[in-house]
Structure formats: structure tokens, C-alpha cells
Amino acid sequence: MDIRIQSQSLPIQGATIHYRDAGNPTAPSVLFLHGASFSSQTWQDIGSLKLLAENGYRAVAIDLPGYGQSQGISGSPEVFLREFIEQLNLQKPILISPSMSGNYSLPFLGKHPDMLKGFVAVAPVGISRLSSQLQRIEVPILAIWGSNDNIVPLAQADKLLQAMPTGEKVILAEADHACYMNKTDEFHHHLLEFIRANS
């Protein structure tokens, strides 16, 4: 099966925003954000976009504003993410959010939980700051952490799941903060299981 990953862009808040898109546009969708040292290219390089497209999903990876090939914006991260999902007509995607992208995903989740089918928290930043906004939100959650994460401690996973009890926690042994880079196959295994259960 020949999977084409298309490089696309669209205007949001006066900026040109780049993203990569793979799979059937009418299939259940999965949206990848990224950490501060990475971009949408990361998810293409480690095979996540191809894997999900091969399994029948639409996989979209965004270059967040000021990263990769996207221009910066001055507006709210939560509003930006909502506009991106609406412009691409992503119907209740599963949102994957590592590290720095928690600044986008957690405020969005707090205000628009009805717009998501699931949330994969890959050691996102901002949990302590935003946990009060996440109380009683019933979106299914997969919290996935590397056991050697020295940037966002494992205790933050428990804090997230205390706020949002509809979740499960997976710890990847001997993996660092960007656990999907150290333990890619294990990460993909848990990711696919969660997506299949919630899409």
C-alpha cells in the first residue's frame, strides 16, 4: 500500500501554517502536535503518519506556530488549535500532545473537550498550571511517559489522571522525555491500541 504524505499549508490568524497529511480524508483522524526540539517532520521520520494511514486513519501532523515551516502568531494557542481543527474539518480527532505542545492542547482540552475523541498526553508541559481546568472532563486519555524523563516528572502523569479519571498510564522503560524517539515501536503499539479503542 503506497502511502503518500502530503505537505500542505493554510492561513490562520494571518500566518501561514504548515502541516503534513496522510491517509483517507474521510477516515477517523489523529492530530499530532510536537515538542520544542521537533516539528511535523519528526512524525514522518519515525513512521507514525505512515503507520496510522496504513491502519485506516487520517494522520495529520502540524508545525506549531514559529516551528518547522510555520510562521509565528500572536494569538491564543487554544484558539489557534480550534481554528486549525475547524479549517481542516477534522471530526473529533484523537489529539497527540508531547512536551511543549501541552501549552496548546491542555487549554484546548479544558475548553473544548467535546471536539476530541481522545487525548494522548506524551509528558506535556503545563499539567500543574492547568489541572483545575481539566477537572471532570471525560475524554479518554492515554498518559505515556518515559521512565527516565527528567523534564516532566512521572508524578505529573498521576496528577493528570487525578484530574481526568477516564485515563490510563503507560511507562516506557529506559526511555527519555521524548519517549517516542527512544522506544518508537512500543510507543506505536500503545498508540494504535488506544486509537482503535476510541475511534
N, C-alpha and C. Protein backbone atom coordinates (compact mmCIF):
# COMPACT_ATOMS: atom_id res chain seq x y z
N MET A 1 0.85 -1.19 0.00
CA MET A 1 0.00 0.00 0.00
C MET A 1 0.89 1.24 0.00
N ASP A 2 0.73 2.04 -1.03
CA ASP A 2 1.58 3.22 -1.20
C ASP A 2 0.96 4.41 -0.46
N ILE A 3 1.57 4.83 0.61
CA ILE A 3 1.04 5.93 1.41
C ILE A 3 1.75 7.22 1.01
N ARG A 4 0.98 8.19 0.59
CA ARG A 4 1.55 9.50 0.25
C ARG A 4 1.34 10.46 1.41
N ILE A 5 2.40 11.09 1.84
CA ILE A 5 2.30 12.11 2.89
C ILE A 5 2.41 13.46 2.20
N GLN A 6 1.34 14.21 2.27
CA GLN A 6 1.29 15.48 1.55
C GLN A 6 1.70 16.63 2.46
N SER A 7 2.49 17.53 1.89
CA SER A 7 2.90 18.74 2.59
C SER A 7 1.95 19.87 2.18
N GLN A 8 1.25 20.44 3.18
CA GLN A 8 0.20 21.42 2.90
C GLN A 8 0.38 22.65 3.78
N SER A 9 -0.31 23.73 3.45
CA SER A 9 -0.32 24.88 4.35
C SER A 9 -1.67 25.58 4.27
N LEU A 10 -1.99 26.32 5.32
CA LEU A 10 -3.23 27.11 5.33
C LEU A 10 -3.01 28.35 6.19
N PRO A 11 -3.83 29.39 5.97
CA PRO A 11 -3.68 30.62 6.75
C PRO A 11 -4.50 30.57 8.03
N ILE A 12 -3.86 30.89 9.15
CA ILE A 12 -4.57 31.03 10.43
C ILE A 12 -4.01 32.27 11.14
N GLN A 13 -4.91 33.15 11.58
CA GLN A 13 -4.53 34.36 12.32
C GLN A 13 -3.43 35.13 11.58
N GLY A 14 -3.54 35.20 10.26
CA GLY A 14 -2.60 35.98 9.45
C GLY A 14 -1.28 35.30 9.20
N ALA A 15 -1.11 34.06 9.66
CA ALA A 15 0.16 33.34 9.47
C ALA A 15 -0.07 32.15 8.56
N THR A 16 0.98 31.76 7.82
CA THR A 16 0.94 30.55 7.02
C THR A 16 1.39 29.38 7.90
N ILE A 17 0.51 28.40 8.06
CA ILE A 17 0.76 27.25 8.94
C ILE A 17 0.92 26.00 8.10
N HIS A 18 2.03 25.31 8.31
CA HIS A 18 2.35 24.11 7.53
C HIS A 18 1.94 22.86 8.29
N TYR A 19 1.49 21.85 7.53
CA TYR A 19 1.16 20.56 8.14
C TYR A 19 1.38 19.44 7.13
N ARG A 20 1.44 18.23 7.63
CA ARG A 20 1.56 17.03 6.80
C ARG A 20 0.32 16.19 6.99
N ASP A 21 -0.15 15.58 5.90
CA ASP A 21 -1.45 14.92 5.89
C ASP A 21 -1.31 13.59 5.16
N ALA A 22 -1.74 12.49 5.80
CA ALA A 22 -1.66 11.17 5.17
C ALA A 22 -2.93 10.40 5.45
N GLY A 23 -3.30 9.54 4.50
CA GLY A 23 -4.47 8.68 4.71
C GLY A 23 -5.73 9.23 4.08
N ASN A 24 -6.80 8.49 4.23
CA ASN A 24 -8.10 8.83 3.66
C ASN A 24 -8.69 10.04 4.39
N PRO A 25 -8.99 11.14 3.66
CA PRO A 25 -9.50 12.34 4.33
C PRO A 25 -10.83 12.14 5.06
N THR A 26 -11.57 11.08 4.73
CA THR A 26 -12.85 10.85 5.41
C THR A 26 -12.73 9.85 6.55
N ALA A 27 -11.53 9.32 6.79
CA ALA A 27 -11.31 8.33 7.85
C ALA A 27 -11.24 9.03 9.21
N PRO A 28 -11.41 8.28 10.32
CA PRO A 28 -11.20 8.87 11.64
C PRO A 28 -9.82 9.50 11.71
N SER A 29 -9.73 10.68 12.34
CA SER A 29 -8.50 11.46 12.25
C SER A 29 -7.72 11.49 13.57
N VAL A 30 -6.41 11.60 13.39
CA VAL A 30 -5.47 11.69 14.51
C VAL A 30 -4.59 12.90 14.23
N LEU A 31 -4.47 13.79 15.21
CA LEU A 31 -3.71 15.03 15.04
C LEU A 31 -2.49 15.03 15.97
N PHE A 32 -1.31 15.14 15.36
CA PHE A 32 -0.05 15.14 16.10
C PHE A 32 0.46 16.57 16.29
N LEU A 33 0.70 16.94 17.53
CA LEU A 33 1.46 18.16 17.84
C LEU A 33 2.91 17.73 18.09
N HIS A 34 3.78 18.64 18.51
CA HIS A 34 5.18 18.27 18.69
C HIS A 34 5.82 19.08 19.81
N GLY A 35 6.99 18.62 20.25
CA GLY A 35 7.74 19.30 21.30
C GLY A 35 8.65 20.38 20.73
N ALA A 36 9.33 21.09 21.63
CA ALA A 36 10.11 22.28 21.24
C ALA A 36 11.31 21.96 20.35
N SER A 37 11.85 20.75 20.45
CA SER A 37 13.02 20.39 19.64
C SER A 37 12.62 19.71 18.33
N PHE A 38 11.32 19.65 18.04
CA PHE A 38 10.84 18.83 16.93
C PHE A 38 9.89 19.62 16.03
N SER A 39 9.29 18.92 15.06
CA SER A 39 8.31 19.53 14.15
C SER A 39 7.46 18.39 13.57
N SER A 40 6.61 18.71 12.62
CA SER A 40 5.80 17.67 11.98
C SER A 40 6.69 16.63 11.29
N GLN A 41 7.88 17.05 10.88
CA GLN A 41 8.82 16.14 10.21
C GLN A 41 9.15 14.93 11.09
N THR A 42 9.18 15.14 12.40
CA THR A 42 9.50 14.06 13.34
C THR A 42 8.56 12.88 13.15
N TRP A 43 7.26 13.15 13.06
CA TRP A 43 6.27 12.08 12.97
C TRP A 43 6.34 11.38 11.62
N GLN A 44 6.81 12.09 10.60
CA GLN A 44 7.06 11.43 9.32
C GLN A 44 8.32 10.56 9.42
N ASP A 45 9.37 11.10 10.04
CA ASP A 45 10.65 10.38 10.12
C ASP A 45 10.55 9.07 10.89
N ILE A 46 9.78 9.06 11.99
CA ILE A 46 9.72 7.83 12.79
C ILE A 46 8.58 6.90 12.35
N GLY A 47 7.87 7.29 11.30
CA GLY A 47 6.89 6.40 10.67
C GLY A 47 5.49 6.44 11.23
N SER A 48 5.20 7.39 12.12
CA SER A 48 3.87 7.44 12.75
C SER A 48 2.77 7.74 11.73
N LEU A 49 3.01 8.69 10.84
CA LEU A 49 1.98 9.08 9.88
C LEU A 49 1.67 7.92 8.94
N LYS A 50 2.71 7.28 8.44
CA LYS A 50 2.54 6.13 7.52
C LYS A 50 1.81 4.99 8.22
N LEU A 51 2.22 4.70 9.45
CA LEU A 51 1.62 3.59 10.20
C LEU A 51 0.11 3.80 10.38
N LEU A 52 -0.28 5.00 10.78
CA LEU A 52 -1.71 5.25 11.01
C LEU A 52 -2.49 5.23 9.71
N ALA A 53 -1.91 5.80 8.65
CA ALA A 53 -2.59 5.78 7.35
C ALA A 53 -2.78 4.34 6.87
N GLU A 54 -1.77 3.50 7.07
CA GLU A 54 -1.87 2.08 6.68
C GLU A 54 -2.94 1.35 7.47
N ASN A 55 -3.22 1.83 8.68
CA ASN A 55 -4.22 1.19 9.53
C ASN A 55 -5.61 1.82 9.40
N GLY A 56 -5.78 2.66 8.38
CA GLY A 56 -7.11 3.16 8.07
C GLY A 56 -7.48 4.49 8.68
N TYR A 57 -6.49 5.25 9.16
CA TYR A 57 -6.78 6.55 9.77
C TYR A 57 -6.24 7.68 8.92
N ARG A 58 -6.78 8.86 9.14
CA ARG A 58 -6.18 10.08 8.58
C ARG A 58 -5.23 10.64 9.63
N ALA A 59 -3.97 10.76 9.29
CA ALA A 59 -2.95 11.24 10.23
C ALA A 59 -2.47 12.62 9.78
N VAL A 60 -2.62 13.59 10.67
CA VAL A 60 -2.21 14.97 10.37
C VAL A 60 -1.19 15.40 11.42
N ALA A 61 -0.07 15.95 10.95
CA ALA A 61 0.94 16.49 11.88
C ALA A 61 1.17 17.95 11.53
N ILE A 62 1.10 18.79 12.54
CA ILE A 62 1.18 20.23 12.33
C ILE A 62 2.56 20.74 12.75
N ASP A 63 3.05 21.74 12.03
CA ASP A 63 4.16 22.55 12.53
C ASP A 63 3.53 23.67 13.36
N LEU A 64 3.69 23.63 14.66
CA LEU A 64 3.10 24.67 15.51
C LEU A 64 3.70 26.03 15.17
N PRO A 65 2.99 27.12 15.46
CA PRO A 65 3.45 28.45 15.06
C PRO A 65 4.89 28.73 15.53
N GLY A 66 5.72 29.18 14.57
CA GLY A 66 7.10 29.51 14.88
C GLY A 66 8.05 28.33 14.82
N TYR A 67 7.53 27.15 14.45
CA TYR A 67 8.35 25.93 14.34
C TYR A 67 8.25 25.37 12.93
N GLY A 68 9.27 24.59 12.54
CA GLY A 68 9.22 23.96 11.23
C GLY A 68 9.03 25.00 10.15
N GLN A 69 8.02 24.79 9.32
CA GLN A 69 7.75 25.71 8.20
C GLN A 69 6.58 26.65 8.48
N SER A 70 6.17 26.75 9.75
CA SER A 70 5.04 27.63 10.10
C SER A 70 5.52 28.98 10.62
N GLN A 71 4.79 30.02 10.24
CA GLN A 71 5.09 31.36 10.77
C GLN A 71 4.53 31.49 12.19
N GLY A 72 5.05 32.45 12.94
CA GLY A 72 4.58 32.70 14.29
C GLY A 72 3.24 33.42 14.31
N ILE A 73 2.53 33.31 15.43
CA ILE A 73 1.27 34.04 15.61
C ILE A 73 1.35 34.80 16.93
N SER A 74 0.43 35.74 17.11
CA SER A 74 0.39 36.47 18.38
C SER A 74 -0.85 36.13 19.19
N GLY A 75 -1.74 35.30 18.63
CA GLY A 75 -2.99 34.99 19.31
C GLY A 75 -2.87 33.86 20.31
N SER A 76 -4.01 33.46 20.85
CA SER A 76 -4.08 32.42 21.88
C SER A 76 -3.82 31.03 21.30
N PRO A 77 -2.98 30.22 21.95
CA PRO A 77 -2.73 28.85 21.46
C PRO A 77 -4.00 28.01 21.38
N GLU A 78 -4.89 28.16 22.36
CA GLU A 78 -6.12 27.36 22.37
C GLU A 78 -7.02 27.71 21.19
N VAL A 79 -7.13 29.03 20.88
CA VAL A 79 -7.96 29.47 19.75
C VAL A 79 -7.31 29.00 18.44
N PHE A 80 -5.98 29.08 18.37
CA PHE A 80 -5.27 28.63 17.18
C PHE A 80 -5.59 27.17 16.89
N LEU A 81 -5.51 26.32 17.91
CA LEU A 81 -5.73 24.89 17.70
C LEU A 81 -7.17 24.63 17.27
N ARG A 82 -8.11 25.33 17.87
CA ARG A 82 -9.51 25.17 17.45
C ARG A 82 -9.70 25.56 15.99
N GLU A 83 -9.10 26.68 15.58
CA GLU A 83 -9.25 27.12 14.19
C GLU A 83 -8.61 26.12 13.22
N PHE A 84 -7.48 25.56 13.61
CA PHE A 84 -6.83 24.58 12.73
C PHE A 84 -7.73 23.35 12.54
N ILE A 85 -8.28 22.82 13.63
CA ILE A 85 -9.15 21.65 13.55
C ILE A 85 -10.39 21.95 12.71
N GLU A 86 -10.95 23.15 12.89
CA GLU A 86 -12.15 23.52 12.13
C GLU A 86 -11.83 23.70 10.65
N GLN A 87 -10.70 24.35 10.35
CA GLN A 87 -10.37 24.58 8.94
C GLN A 87 -10.11 23.27 8.19
N LEU A 88 -9.51 22.29 8.88
CA LEU A 88 -9.25 21.01 8.23
C LEU A 88 -10.46 20.07 8.29
N ASN A 89 -11.51 20.53 8.96
CA ASN A 89 -12.73 19.73 9.10
C ASN A 89 -12.42 18.37 9.72
N LEU A 90 -11.57 18.38 10.75
CA LEU A 90 -11.27 17.15 11.47
C LEU A 90 -12.42 16.88 12.44
N GLN A 91 -13.11 15.78 12.22
CA GLN A 91 -14.28 15.47 13.05
C GLN A 91 -13.83 14.71 14.31
N LYS A 92 -13.79 15.41 15.43
CA LYS A 92 -13.41 14.80 16.72
C LYS A 92 -12.15 13.96 16.59
N PRO A 93 -11.01 14.59 16.30
CA PRO A 93 -9.77 13.82 16.20
C PRO A 93 -9.30 13.32 17.56
N ILE A 94 -8.41 12.34 17.54
CA ILE A 94 -7.61 12.00 18.71
C ILE A 94 -6.37 12.87 18.66
N LEU A 95 -6.10 13.58 19.75
CA LEU A 95 -5.02 14.58 19.78
C LEU A 95 -3.82 14.02 20.52
N ILE A 96 -2.65 14.09 19.89
CA ILE A 96 -1.40 13.58 20.49
C ILE A 96 -0.51 14.78 20.80
N SER A 97 -0.17 14.91 22.09
CA SER A 97 0.49 16.13 22.53
C SER A 97 1.70 15.85 23.41
N PRO A 98 2.92 15.97 22.84
CA PRO A 98 4.12 15.83 23.66
C PRO A 98 4.64 17.19 24.16
N SER A 99 5.22 17.17 25.33
CA SER A 99 6.08 18.24 25.84
C SER A 99 5.50 19.65 25.67
N MET A 100 6.23 20.53 25.00
CA MET A 100 5.84 21.93 24.85
C MET A 100 4.42 22.11 24.32
N SER A 101 3.95 21.18 23.50
CA SER A 101 2.62 21.35 22.89
C SER A 101 1.50 21.29 23.93
N GLY A 102 1.82 20.91 25.18
CA GLY A 102 0.82 21.00 26.23
C GLY A 102 0.28 22.42 26.41
N ASN A 103 1.09 23.41 26.02
CA ASN A 103 0.63 24.81 26.08
C ASN A 103 -0.53 25.06 25.12
N TYR A 104 -0.64 24.22 24.10
CA TYR A 104 -1.77 24.30 23.16
C TYR A 104 -2.88 23.33 23.56
N SER A 105 -2.51 22.08 23.80
CA SER A 105 -3.51 21.02 23.94
C SER A 105 -4.29 21.11 25.24
N LEU A 106 -3.62 21.41 26.36
CA LEU A 106 -4.33 21.39 27.65
C LEU A 106 -5.37 22.51 27.76
N PRO A 107 -5.05 23.78 27.39
CA PRO A 107 -6.11 24.79 27.39
C PRO A 107 -7.25 24.44 26.43
N PHE A 108 -6.90 23.86 25.27
CA PHE A 108 -7.93 23.46 24.30
C PHE A 108 -8.83 22.37 24.90
N LEU A 109 -8.21 21.38 25.52
CA LEU A 109 -8.96 20.30 26.14
C LEU A 109 -9.89 20.81 27.23
N GLY A 110 -9.40 21.79 28.00
CA GLY A 110 -10.21 22.35 29.07
C GLY A 110 -11.44 23.07 28.56
N LYS A 111 -11.33 23.69 27.38
CA LYS A 111 -12.46 24.48 26.85
C LYS A 111 -13.30 23.74 25.83
N HIS A 112 -12.71 22.79 25.11
CA HIS A 112 -13.45 22.14 24.01
C HIS A 112 -13.34 20.61 24.06
N PRO A 113 -13.61 19.99 25.19
CA PRO A 113 -13.47 18.53 25.26
C PRO A 113 -14.39 17.80 24.28
N ASP A 114 -15.52 18.44 23.95
CA ASP A 114 -16.46 17.81 23.02
C ASP A 114 -15.92 17.74 21.60
N MET A 115 -14.80 18.42 21.32
CA MET A 115 -14.23 18.39 19.96
C MET A 115 -13.23 17.26 19.78
N LEU A 116 -12.98 16.46 20.83
CA LEU A 116 -11.98 15.39 20.74
C LEU A 116 -12.59 14.04 21.07
N LYS A 117 -12.08 13.00 20.40
CA LYS A 117 -12.45 11.62 20.74
C LYS A 117 -11.51 11.02 21.77
N GLY A 118 -10.30 11.56 21.84
CA GLY A 118 -9.33 11.03 22.79
C GLY A 118 -8.13 11.96 22.87
N PHE A 119 -7.33 11.78 23.91
CA PHE A 119 -6.18 12.65 24.14
C PHE A 119 -5.00 11.78 24.58
N VAL A 120 -3.89 11.87 23.84
CA VAL A 120 -2.68 11.14 24.19
C VAL A 120 -1.68 12.15 24.72
N ALA A 121 -1.46 12.10 26.03
CA ALA A 121 -0.55 13.03 26.70
C ALA A 121 0.82 12.39 26.78
N VAL A 122 1.78 12.92 26.00
CA VAL A 122 3.14 12.37 25.99
C VAL A 122 4.02 13.33 26.79
N ALA A 123 3.90 13.24 28.12
CA ALA A 123 4.64 14.13 29.03
C ALA A 123 4.51 15.60 28.62
N PRO A 124 3.26 16.11 28.49
CA PRO A 124 3.09 17.51 28.11
C PRO A 124 3.38 18.45 29.28
N VAL A 125 3.84 19.64 28.96
CA VAL A 125 4.06 20.65 29.99
C VAL A 125 2.73 21.30 30.37
N GLY A 126 2.69 21.91 31.56
CA GLY A 126 1.53 22.72 31.95
C GLY A 126 0.46 22.00 32.75
N ILE A 127 0.70 20.74 33.14
CA ILE A 127 -0.34 19.99 33.84
C ILE A 127 -0.68 20.64 35.19
N SER A 128 0.34 20.97 35.98
CA SER A 128 0.06 21.58 37.30
C SER A 128 -0.67 22.90 37.15
N ARG A 129 -0.25 23.69 36.16
CA ARG A 129 -0.84 25.02 35.95
C ARG A 129 -2.29 24.92 35.51
N LEU A 130 -2.63 23.88 34.76
CA LEU A 130 -3.94 23.82 34.12
C LEU A 130 -4.85 22.73 34.67
N SER A 131 -4.39 21.99 35.70
CA SER A 131 -5.18 20.83 36.14
C SER A 131 -6.57 21.22 36.62
N SER A 132 -6.72 22.42 37.18
CA SER A 132 -8.05 22.83 37.66
C SER A 132 -9.04 22.97 36.51
N GLN A 133 -8.54 23.32 35.31
CA GLN A 133 -9.43 23.45 34.14
C GLN A 133 -9.84 22.09 33.59
N LEU A 134 -9.14 21.04 33.99
CA LEU A 134 -9.37 19.72 33.39
C LEU A 134 -10.24 18.82 34.26
N GLN A 135 -10.67 19.33 35.43
CA GLN A 135 -11.49 18.51 36.34
C GLN A 135 -12.78 18.07 35.65
N ARG A 136 -13.12 16.83 35.86
CA ARG A 136 -14.41 16.26 35.41
C ARG A 136 -14.56 16.19 33.89
N ILE A 137 -13.49 16.38 33.15
CA ILE A 137 -13.57 16.20 31.70
C ILE A 137 -13.45 14.72 31.40
N GLU A 138 -14.34 14.19 30.59
CA GLU A 138 -14.43 12.74 30.42
C GLU A 138 -13.91 12.25 29.08
N VAL A 139 -12.98 12.96 28.50
CA VAL A 139 -12.35 12.49 27.26
C VAL A 139 -11.40 11.34 27.62
N PRO A 140 -11.43 10.22 26.88
CA PRO A 140 -10.47 9.14 27.15
C PRO A 140 -9.03 9.63 27.00
N ILE A 141 -8.18 9.20 27.94
CA ILE A 141 -6.79 9.69 27.96
C ILE A 141 -5.82 8.52 28.04
N LEU A 142 -4.74 8.64 27.26
CA LEU A 142 -3.57 7.78 27.42
C LEU A 142 -2.41 8.68 27.83
N ALA A 143 -1.91 8.47 29.04
CA ALA A 143 -0.73 9.22 29.51
C ALA A 143 0.48 8.32 29.31
N ILE A 144 1.40 8.75 28.45
CA ILE A 144 2.54 7.89 28.11
C ILE A 144 3.84 8.65 28.39
N TRP A 145 4.68 8.07 29.22
CA TRP A 145 5.88 8.73 29.74
C TRP A 145 7.08 7.80 29.59
N GLY A 146 8.25 8.37 29.45
CA GLY A 146 9.49 7.61 29.56
C GLY A 146 9.91 7.52 31.02
N SER A 147 10.41 6.36 31.43
CA SER A 147 10.78 6.19 32.84
C SER A 147 11.93 7.11 33.25
N ASN A 148 12.74 7.55 32.28
CA ASN A 148 13.89 8.42 32.59
C ASN A 148 13.61 9.89 32.28
N ASP A 149 12.35 10.28 32.23
CA ASP A 149 12.01 11.67 31.90
C ASP A 149 12.49 12.59 33.02
N ASN A 150 13.44 13.47 32.71
CA ASN A 150 13.93 14.42 33.73
C ASN A 150 13.45 15.84 33.44
N ILE A 151 12.46 15.98 32.56
CA ILE A 151 11.91 17.30 32.22
C ILE A 151 10.49 17.45 32.78
N VAL A 152 9.63 16.49 32.50
CA VAL A 152 8.28 16.47 33.09
C VAL A 152 8.19 15.20 33.93
N PRO A 153 8.29 15.30 35.26
CA PRO A 153 8.37 14.11 36.12
C PRO A 153 7.16 13.20 35.99
N LEU A 154 7.37 11.92 36.28
CA LEU A 154 6.29 10.93 36.22
C LEU A 154 5.11 11.30 37.11
N ALA A 155 5.39 12.02 38.19
CA ALA A 155 4.30 12.42 39.09
C ALA A 155 3.25 13.27 38.37
N GLN A 156 3.66 13.94 37.29
CA GLN A 156 2.71 14.76 36.53
C GLN A 156 1.68 13.89 35.82
N ALA A 157 2.08 12.69 35.44
CA ALA A 157 1.11 11.76 34.82
C ALA A 157 0.00 11.43 35.82
N ASP A 158 0.39 11.18 37.07
CA ASP A 158 -0.61 10.88 38.10
C ASP A 158 -1.51 12.09 38.36
N LYS A 159 -0.91 13.26 38.34
CA LYS A 159 -1.70 14.49 38.56
C LYS A 159 -2.74 14.66 37.45
N LEU A 160 -2.34 14.38 36.22
CA LEU A 160 -3.27 14.48 35.09
C LEU A 160 -4.41 13.48 35.24
N LEU A 161 -4.09 12.25 35.63
CA LEU A 161 -5.12 11.22 35.74
C LEU A 161 -5.99 11.41 36.98
N GLN A 162 -5.49 12.14 37.98
CA GLN A 162 -6.36 12.50 39.11
C GLN A 162 -7.43 13.49 38.65
N ALA A 163 -7.02 14.42 37.79
CA ALA A 163 -7.98 15.42 37.27
C ALA A 163 -8.95 14.77 36.29
N MET A 164 -8.44 13.85 35.48
CA MET A 164 -9.25 13.24 34.42
C MET A 164 -9.22 11.73 34.58
N PRO A 165 -10.14 11.17 35.33
CA PRO A 165 -10.04 9.77 35.74
C PRO A 165 -10.33 8.76 34.65
N THR A 166 -10.70 9.21 33.43
CA THR A 166 -11.02 8.26 32.36
C THR A 166 -9.76 7.87 31.60
N GLY A 167 -8.63 7.79 32.28
CA GLY A 167 -7.38 7.57 31.58
C GLY A 167 -6.61 6.36 32.03
N GLU A 168 -5.56 6.06 31.28
CA GLU A 168 -4.63 5.01 31.64
C GLU A 168 -3.21 5.54 31.47
N LYS A 169 -2.29 4.94 32.21
CA LYS A 169 -0.90 5.39 32.19
C LYS A 169 -0.01 4.27 31.67
N VAL A 170 0.91 4.63 30.77
CA VAL A 170 1.90 3.69 30.26
C VAL A 170 3.28 4.29 30.47
N ILE A 171 4.17 3.53 31.08
CA ILE A 171 5.55 3.98 31.29
C ILE A 171 6.46 3.15 30.37
N LEU A 172 7.22 3.81 29.51
CA LEU A 172 8.16 3.12 28.64
C LEU A 172 9.52 3.05 29.35
N ALA A 173 9.96 1.84 29.65
CA ALA A 173 11.19 1.64 30.43
C ALA A 173 12.41 2.14 29.67
N GLU A 174 13.30 2.78 30.40
CA GLU A 174 14.58 3.27 29.86
C GLU A 174 14.41 4.27 28.72
N ALA A 175 13.28 4.95 28.69
CA ALA A 175 13.05 5.98 27.66
C ALA A 175 13.13 7.36 28.31
N ASP A 176 13.57 8.34 27.51
CA ASP A 176 13.74 9.71 27.99
C ASP A 176 12.44 10.50 27.81
N HIS A 177 12.56 11.83 27.91
CA HIS A 177 11.40 12.72 27.78
C HIS A 177 10.69 12.52 26.44
N ALA A 178 11.44 12.48 25.35
CA ALA A 178 10.86 12.19 24.03
C ALA A 178 10.83 10.67 23.85
N CYS A 179 9.95 10.01 24.61
CA CYS A 179 9.97 8.54 24.69
C CYS A 179 9.67 7.89 23.34
N TYR A 180 8.97 8.60 22.46
CA TYR A 180 8.65 8.06 21.13
C TYR A 180 9.89 7.96 20.25
N MET A 181 10.96 8.68 20.61
CA MET A 181 12.21 8.57 19.86
C MET A 181 13.03 7.37 20.34
N ASN A 182 13.04 7.12 21.66
CA ASN A 182 13.83 6.01 22.23
C ASN A 182 13.16 4.65 22.01
N LYS A 183 11.84 4.62 22.18
CA LYS A 183 11.09 3.36 22.15
C LYS A 183 9.94 3.47 21.14
N THR A 184 10.32 3.70 19.89
CA THR A 184 9.31 4.01 18.86
C THR A 184 8.31 2.87 18.68
N ASP A 185 8.78 1.64 18.60
CA ASP A 185 7.86 0.52 18.36
C ASP A 185 6.87 0.35 19.51
N GLU A 186 7.38 0.44 20.74
CA GLU A 186 6.48 0.33 21.90
C GLU A 186 5.47 1.48 21.92
N PHE A 187 5.97 2.68 21.62
CA PHE A 187 5.08 3.84 21.57
C PHE A 187 3.97 3.62 20.55
N HIS A 188 4.35 3.17 19.36
CA HIS A 188 3.35 2.95 18.30
C HIS A 188 2.35 1.86 18.71
N HIS A 189 2.81 0.83 19.38
CA HIS A 189 1.92 -0.25 19.82
C HIS A 189 0.82 0.30 20.75
N HIS A 190 1.23 1.05 21.76
CA HIS A 190 0.24 1.59 22.72
C HIS A 190 -0.65 2.64 22.05
N LEU A 191 -0.05 3.42 21.16
CA LEU A 191 -0.82 4.45 20.46
C LEU A 191 -1.92 3.83 19.61
N LEU A 192 -1.57 2.81 18.83
CA LEU A 192 -2.56 2.16 17.96
C LEU A 192 -3.66 1.49 18.78
N GLU A 193 -3.29 0.86 19.86
CA GLU A 193 -4.30 0.22 20.73
C GLU A 193 -5.31 1.24 21.24
N PHE A 194 -4.79 2.39 21.68
CA PHE A 194 -5.66 3.44 22.21
C PHE A 194 -6.56 4.01 21.11
N ILE A 195 -5.98 4.25 19.93
CA ILE A 195 -6.76 4.83 18.82
C ILE A 195 -7.86 3.85 18.40
N ARG A 196 -7.50 2.58 18.29
CA ARG A 196 -8.52 1.59 17.89
C ARG A 196 -9.67 1.52 18.90
N ALA A 197 -9.33 1.66 20.18
CA ALA A 197 -10.36 1.56 21.22
C ALA A 197 -11.26 2.78 21.28
N ASN A 198 -10.80 3.90 20.72
CA ASN A 198 -11.52 5.17 20.93
C ASN A 198 -11.91 5.90 19.65
N SER A 199 -11.76 5.24 18.51
CA SER A 199 -12.16 5.93 17.25
C SER A 199 -13.32 5.21 16.58
